[in-house]
Amino acid sequence: MRWRAGAIVRSMPAAALVLAAGLALAAPSVPLAQPAMATGEPVDVALVLAIDVSRSMSREELAIQRKGYAEAIASREVLRAINYGPHGRIGLAIFEWAGDFHAQELLPWTIIESETDAQAVAARLLEGESFGQSRTSISGALLRGMALLEAVPYQAERLVIDVSGDGPNNQGPPVTGLRDAAVNRGITINGLPLMTVDGFARYFGIPDLDEYYRRCVIGGPGAFVVPVHEWNEFPEAVRRKLVMEIGGLAPGSPDDPWGNPGLQDDHGSAQPVVPAQFAAEEPYDCLVGEKMWRNRRDLFYDGGR
């Protein structure tokens, strides 16, 4: 396994984030990090995993997240998906996020092409412990994911940001602007909305978080959402999501092993997937998180989520 230095910033100043966000939103609609312009080894996908560690999640739930991602990356299904690719390898980077002032690198850009590689990444994830941080800035997570993909050291056939989270954006720039900027640069954004109802999620969560992610967060070719309603669903949801992202599979397609009841995963279960929709729909309030924060922030002395 080869570790490569990534472009993630652990403590980017707020002013720099605002400036970077403005540049991202104002940039022309041109693809980002075209494979023909990149250097380094060819990979089937350059995948960024952006993992929410907002304070609404308990210490136990944060541990479930780490373990779920570790087990998924080392699973037979994910290794099989990697081996089936034209190049038989992927580039992976992982960071945790909360407010736009917090990003913690868990894995710099790394090649995974063997079981040994995958096991080493899983072990690295299990070495540490996650700690909850205040606020929820999906837009900040997208901005950092874009920065990572801007500096990807591989020739990537596809560029993907995989965002997990248990609430709507409530801090930083509006999420739709960063979503559109990423999509305009050739990036696909997929979502893993955590729709569990416990802890601070009761105050800052929304009941239709999957719809929020579908309407406001995800975008790009083949984008989809895998909702998680209970924490015991989390490992399977992550495993399925990674398989689809690595294989470039569309939800419900003949190649989707979960799309047909008779073609489920090795564990004999299936997870619902919500693909992106492009037809005209009723308006949706993508600023619902910001409005909730303004209405409820006085409940918490330390900034809450």
Protein backbone atom coordinates (compact mmCIF):
# COMPACT_ATOMS: atom_id res chain seq x y z
CA MET A 1 0.00 0.00 0.00
CA ARG A 2 1.27 3.47 -0.88
CA TRP A 3 0.46 6.43 1.31
CA ARG A 4 0.37 9.75 -0.50
CA ALA A 5 0.24 13.18 1.06
CA GLY A 6 -3.25 14.63 0.64
CA ALA A 7 -4.46 18.22 0.33
CA ILE A 8 -6.59 18.24 3.46
CA VAL A 9 -6.22 21.11 5.91
CA ARG A 10 -6.84 20.39 9.59
CA SER A 11 -7.16 23.97 10.74
CA MET A 12 -7.84 26.21 7.74
CA PRO A 13 -8.67 29.73 9.03
CA ALA A 14 -12.28 30.79 8.66
CA ALA A 15 -11.34 33.69 6.37
CA ALA A 16 -9.48 31.33 4.04
CA LEU A 17 -12.48 29.02 3.92
CA VAL A 18 -14.79 31.89 3.00
CA LEU A 19 -12.39 33.02 0.27
CA ALA A 20 -12.02 29.49 -1.08
CA ALA A 21 -15.78 29.04 -1.07
CA GLY A 22 -16.21 32.26 -3.02
CA LEU A 23 -13.65 31.18 -5.58
CA ALA A 24 -15.31 27.78 -5.92
CA LEU A 25 -18.72 29.32 -6.51
CA ALA A 26 -17.39 31.86 -9.00
CA ALA A 27 -15.22 29.45 -10.97
CA PRO A 28 -16.23 28.55 -14.54
CA SER A 29 -18.06 25.30 -15.27
CA VAL A 30 -15.08 23.22 -16.31
CA PRO A 31 -14.17 19.68 -15.24
CA LEU A 32 -11.77 19.31 -12.32
CA ALA A 33 -8.62 17.17 -12.37
CA GLN A 34 -9.11 15.68 -15.82
CA PRO A 35 -7.41 12.24 -16.05
CA ALA A 36 -5.46 13.29 -19.12
CA MET A 37 -3.86 16.15 -17.16
CA ALA A 38 -3.10 14.20 -14.02
CA THR A 39 0.09 12.38 -13.17
CA GLY A 40 0.71 9.22 -11.20
CA GLU A 41 -0.89 5.82 -11.39
CA PRO A 42 -4.26 5.28 -13.07
CA VAL A 43 -7.12 4.41 -10.71
CA ASP A 44 -10.74 3.53 -11.39
CA VAL A 45 -12.00 6.17 -8.97
CA ALA A 46 -10.57 8.83 -6.67
CA LEU A 47 -12.92 8.58 -3.70
CA VAL A 48 -13.11 10.98 -0.75
CA LEU A 49 -15.01 9.79 2.34
CA ALA A 50 -16.25 12.75 4.40
CA ILE A 51 -17.48 11.50 7.79
CA ASP A 52 -19.66 13.63 10.07
CA VAL A 53 -18.55 13.88 13.71
CA SER A 54 -20.94 16.62 14.82
CA ARG A 55 -21.74 16.70 18.52
CA SER A 56 -25.22 15.25 18.00
CA MET A 57 -23.64 11.79 17.89
CA SER A 58 -22.65 9.95 21.05
CA ARG A 59 -19.21 8.47 21.68
CA GLU A 60 -20.67 5.02 21.04
CA GLU A 61 -22.17 6.11 17.72
CA LEU A 62 -18.89 7.66 16.62
CA ALA A 63 -17.19 4.35 17.37
CA ILE A 64 -19.83 2.50 15.32
CA GLN A 65 -19.02 4.80 12.40
CA ARG A 66 -15.28 4.12 12.55
CA LYS A 67 -15.80 0.39 12.85
CA GLY A 68 -18.40 0.37 10.08
CA TYR A 69 -16.11 2.11 7.61
CA ALA A 70 -13.17 -0.11 8.56
CA GLU A 71 -15.17 -3.30 8.11
CA ALA A 72 -16.66 -2.11 4.83
CA ILE A 73 -13.32 -1.18 3.29
CA ALA A 74 -11.90 -4.63 4.14
CA SER A 75 -15.04 -6.54 3.13
CA ARG A 76 -15.19 -9.15 0.37
CA GLU A 77 -17.77 -7.11 -1.53
CA VAL A 78 -15.60 -3.99 -1.67
CA LEU A 79 -12.44 -5.92 -2.57
CA ARG A 80 -14.37 -7.68 -5.31
CA ALA A 81 -15.58 -4.35 -6.68
CA ILE A 82 -12.00 -3.04 -6.73
CA ASN A 83 -10.68 -6.13 -8.50
CA TYR A 84 -13.42 -5.94 -11.15
CA GLY A 85 -12.34 -2.44 -12.20
CA PRO A 86 -10.33 -1.86 -15.40
CA HIS A 87 -7.26 -0.84 -13.37
CA GLY A 88 -7.99 -2.97 -10.32
CA ARG A 89 -7.14 -0.15 -7.91
CA ILE A 90 -8.73 2.91 -6.34
CA GLY A 91 -7.45 6.07 -4.68
CA LEU A 92 -8.96 6.74 -1.26
CA ALA A 93 -8.78 9.68 1.18
CA ILE A 94 -10.79 10.02 4.39
CA PHE A 95 -11.47 12.89 6.78
CA GLU A 96 -13.88 13.72 9.58
CA TRP A 97 -15.79 16.99 9.59
CA ALA A 98 -18.23 19.06 11.67
CA GLY A 99 -18.27 22.87 11.45
CA ASP A 100 -16.33 24.46 8.60
CA PHE A 101 -13.53 25.15 11.10
CA HIS A 102 -12.93 21.45 11.77
CA ALA A 103 -11.51 18.73 9.54
CA GLN A 104 -9.44 15.84 10.83
CA GLU A 105 -7.48 13.73 8.37
CA LEU A 106 -7.87 10.00 8.93
CA LEU A 107 -6.26 8.80 5.71
CA PRO A 108 -4.19 10.72 3.13
CA TRP A 109 -4.47 9.72 -0.52
CA THR A 110 -3.81 5.98 -0.58
CA ILE A 111 -3.90 3.29 -3.25
CA ILE A 112 -5.98 0.19 -2.48
CA GLU A 113 -5.53 -2.72 -4.86
CA SER A 114 -5.19 -5.76 -2.59
CA GLU A 115 -6.59 -7.30 0.56
CA THR A 116 -3.39 -6.31 2.37
CA ASP A 117 -3.95 -2.67 1.40
CA ALA A 118 -7.56 -2.75 2.56
CA GLN A 119 -6.70 -4.40 5.86
CA ALA A 120 -4.02 -1.80 6.53
CA VAL A 121 -6.51 1.03 5.95
CA ALA A 122 -9.04 -0.67 8.22
CA ALA A 123 -6.42 -1.05 10.95
CA ARG A 124 -5.50 2.62 10.65
CA LEU A 125 -9.13 3.66 11.11
CA LEU A 126 -9.46 1.48 14.19
CA GLU A 127 -6.30 2.86 15.79
CA GLY A 128 -7.86 6.15 16.81
CA GLU A 129 -11.03 7.49 18.37
CA SER A 130 -13.45 10.10 17.04
CA PHE A 131 -14.53 13.08 19.14
CA GLY A 132 -17.67 15.10 18.56
CA GLN A 133 -17.28 18.69 17.40
CA SER A 134 -19.75 21.56 17.20
CA ARG A 135 -21.92 22.60 14.25
CA THR A 136 -22.71 20.88 10.95
CA SER A 137 -21.21 22.32 7.77
CA ILE A 138 -21.86 20.03 4.83
CA SER A 139 -20.73 22.87 2.59
CA GLY A 140 -17.41 22.96 4.44
CA ALA A 141 -17.05 19.19 3.96
CA LEU A 142 -17.70 19.56 0.22
CA LEU A 143 -15.16 22.36 -0.01
CA ARG A 144 -12.49 20.22 1.63
CA GLY A 145 -13.43 17.26 -0.55
CA MET A 146 -13.03 19.44 -3.64
CA ALA A 147 -9.60 20.57 -2.43
CA LEU A 148 -8.52 16.96 -2.02
CA LEU A 149 -9.71 16.06 -5.51
CA GLU A 150 -8.02 19.14 -6.94
CA ALA A 151 -4.71 17.69 -5.73
CA VAL A 152 -5.38 13.99 -6.37
CA PRO A 153 -2.03 12.38 -7.26
CA TYR A 154 -3.53 9.75 -9.57
CA GLN A 155 -5.04 9.55 -13.03
CA ALA A 156 -8.63 9.02 -11.96
CA GLU A 157 -11.38 7.81 -14.27
CA ARG A 158 -14.01 9.20 -11.87
CA LEU A 159 -14.06 11.70 -8.98
CA VAL A 160 -16.43 11.07 -6.06
CA ILE A 161 -17.15 12.69 -2.70
CA ASP A 162 -19.07 10.45 -0.28
CA VAL A 163 -20.69 12.52 2.51
CA SER A 164 -22.27 11.04 5.63
CA GLY A 165 -24.18 13.15 8.13
CA ASP A 166 -27.03 13.20 10.64
CA GLY A 167 -28.42 16.68 10.02
CA PRO A 168 -28.78 19.49 7.48
CA ASN A 169 -26.20 22.19 6.88
CA ASN A 170 -26.37 24.79 9.66
CA GLN A 171 -23.08 26.63 9.32
CA GLY A 172 -20.87 27.93 6.51
CA PRO A 173 -21.99 28.79 2.96
CA PRO A 174 -25.29 27.37 1.63
CA VAL A 175 -24.74 23.76 0.64
CA THR A 176 -26.34 24.03 -2.81
CA GLY A 177 -23.71 26.45 -4.04
CA LEU A 178 -20.85 24.11 -3.14
CA ARG A 179 -22.74 21.14 -4.56
CA ASP A 180 -23.17 22.91 -7.89
CA ALA A 181 -19.53 24.02 -7.93
CA ALA A 182 -18.39 20.42 -7.37
CA VAL A 183 -20.70 18.99 -10.03
CA ASN A 184 -19.55 21.62 -12.51
CA ARG A 185 -16.02 20.30 -11.99
CA GLY A 186 -16.92 16.73 -12.87
CA ILE A 187 -17.37 15.45 -9.32
CA THR A 188 -20.17 13.12 -8.24
CA ILE A 189 -21.48 13.60 -4.69
CA ASN A 190 -23.26 10.73 -2.93
CA GLY A 191 -24.94 10.86 0.47
CA LEU A 192 -25.30 8.66 3.54
CA PRO A 193 -27.92 10.45 5.68
CA LEU A 194 -28.02 9.12 9.25
CA MET A 195 -31.70 9.33 10.18
CA THR A 196 -31.44 7.98 13.72
CA VAL A 197 -33.39 9.94 16.34
CA ASP A 198 -31.43 10.29 19.57
CA GLY A 199 -29.38 12.83 21.50
CA PHE A 200 -29.09 16.28 19.95
CA ALA A 201 -30.51 14.91 16.69
CA ARG A 202 -33.91 15.54 18.26
CA TYR A 203 -33.19 19.27 18.26
CA PHE A 204 -31.25 19.79 15.04
CA GLY A 205 -32.24 16.82 12.87
CA ILE A 206 -35.08 16.75 10.33
CA PRO A 207 -37.43 13.81 9.63
CA ASP A 208 -36.83 13.87 5.86
CA LEU A 209 -33.04 14.04 5.92
CA ASP A 210 -32.86 11.59 3.02
CA GLU A 211 -34.95 13.97 0.92
CA TYR A 212 -32.78 16.89 2.02
CA TYR A 213 -29.67 15.03 0.89
CA ARG A 214 -31.32 14.09 -2.41
CA ARG A 215 -32.56 17.61 -3.13
CA CYS A 216 -29.78 19.72 -1.66
CA VAL A 217 -26.53 17.73 -1.29
CA ILE A 218 -25.97 15.01 -3.90
CA GLY A 219 -25.32 15.61 -7.58
CA GLY A 220 -23.40 14.52 -10.64
CA PRO A 221 -23.61 11.41 -12.85
CA GLY A 222 -25.24 8.46 -11.07
CA ALA A 223 -25.54 10.28 -7.73
CA PHE A 224 -27.55 8.50 -5.04
CA VAL A 225 -28.47 8.44 -1.34
CA VAL A 226 -28.36 5.45 1.03
CA PRO A 227 -30.40 6.35 4.14
CA VAL A 228 -29.64 4.79 7.52
CA HIS A 229 -32.62 4.64 9.93
CA GLU A 230 -31.04 2.53 12.70
CA TRP A 231 -27.40 2.20 13.71
CA ASN A 232 -27.48 -1.57 13.14
CA GLU A 233 -28.02 -0.76 9.43
CA PHE A 234 -24.86 1.30 9.21
CA PRO A 235 -22.24 -1.38 8.32
CA GLU A 236 -24.32 -2.75 5.45
CA ALA A 237 -25.19 0.72 4.17
CA VAL A 238 -21.52 1.74 4.01
CA ARG A 239 -20.53 -1.54 2.36
CA ARG A 240 -23.17 -1.20 -0.32
CA LYS A 241 -22.42 2.44 -0.93
CA LEU A 242 -18.71 1.77 -1.44
CA VAL A 243 -19.41 -1.11 -3.83
CA MET A 244 -21.63 1.11 -5.97
CA GLU A 245 -19.19 4.02 -5.94
CA ILE A 246 -16.18 1.88 -6.77
CA GLY A 247 -18.02 0.00 -9.50
CA GLY A 248 -19.76 3.08 -10.88
CA LEU A 249 -23.08 1.26 -10.53
CA ALA A 250 -26.45 2.93 -10.93
CA PRO A 251 -29.04 2.04 -8.27
CA GLY A 252 -31.31 -0.74 -9.47
CA SER A 253 -29.22 -1.49 -12.57
CA PRO A 254 -28.64 -5.12 -13.64
CA ASP A 255 -25.12 -4.90 -12.20
CA ASP A 256 -26.33 -3.63 -8.82
CA PRO A 257 -26.14 -6.72 -6.56
CA TRP A 258 -28.73 -5.20 -4.22
CA GLY A 259 -31.08 -3.98 -6.93
CA ASN A 260 -32.66 -7.39 -7.44
CA PRO A 261 -34.11 -9.25 -4.41
CA GLY A 262 -32.48 -12.40 -5.74
CA LEU A 263 -29.08 -10.74 -6.01
CA GLN A 264 -28.32 -9.47 -2.54
CA ASP A 265 -24.96 -9.12 -0.90
CA ASP A 266 -22.95 -11.90 0.76
CA HIS A 267 -24.78 -11.21 4.01
CA GLY A 268 -28.20 -11.87 2.46
CA SER A 269 -29.62 -8.40 3.03
CA ALA A 270 -30.47 -5.31 1.03
CA GLN A 271 -30.46 -1.58 1.70
CA PRO A 272 -32.77 0.97 0.04
CA VAL A 273 -31.11 3.41 -2.33
CA VAL A 274 -32.58 6.69 -3.53
CA PRO A 275 -31.15 7.84 -6.89
CA ALA A 276 -30.90 11.50 -7.83
CA GLN A 277 -33.96 12.84 -9.64
CA PHE A 278 -33.82 15.35 -12.47
CA ALA A 279 -37.52 15.93 -13.14
CA ALA A 280 -39.14 19.18 -11.99
CA GLU A 281 -40.38 18.90 -8.40
CA GLU A 282 -42.05 21.00 -5.77
CA PRO A 283 -39.67 23.55 -4.19
CA TYR A 284 -37.64 22.35 -1.20
CA ASP A 285 -36.09 24.57 1.48
CA CYS A 286 -32.37 23.82 1.40
CA LEU A 287 -31.78 26.43 4.14
CA VAL A 288 -33.85 24.50 6.70
CA GLY A 289 -30.77 23.72 8.82
CA GLU A 290 -29.63 27.33 8.99
CA LYS A 291 -33.13 28.45 10.00
CA MET A 292 -33.37 25.76 12.69
CA TRP A 293 -30.02 26.82 14.12
CA ARG A 294 -31.06 30.46 14.36
CA ASN A 295 -34.25 29.43 16.16
CA ARG A 296 -32.67 26.99 18.62
CA ARG A 297 -29.06 28.05 19.21
CA ASP A 298 -29.89 29.72 22.54
CA LEU A 299 -30.63 26.26 23.98
CA PHE A 300 -26.91 25.51 24.13
CA TYR A 301 -24.15 27.55 25.68
CA ASP A 302 -21.23 26.07 23.72
CA GLY A 303 -22.52 26.26 20.17
CA GLY A 304 -24.36 22.93 20.19
CA ARG A 305 -23.92 21.08 16.94
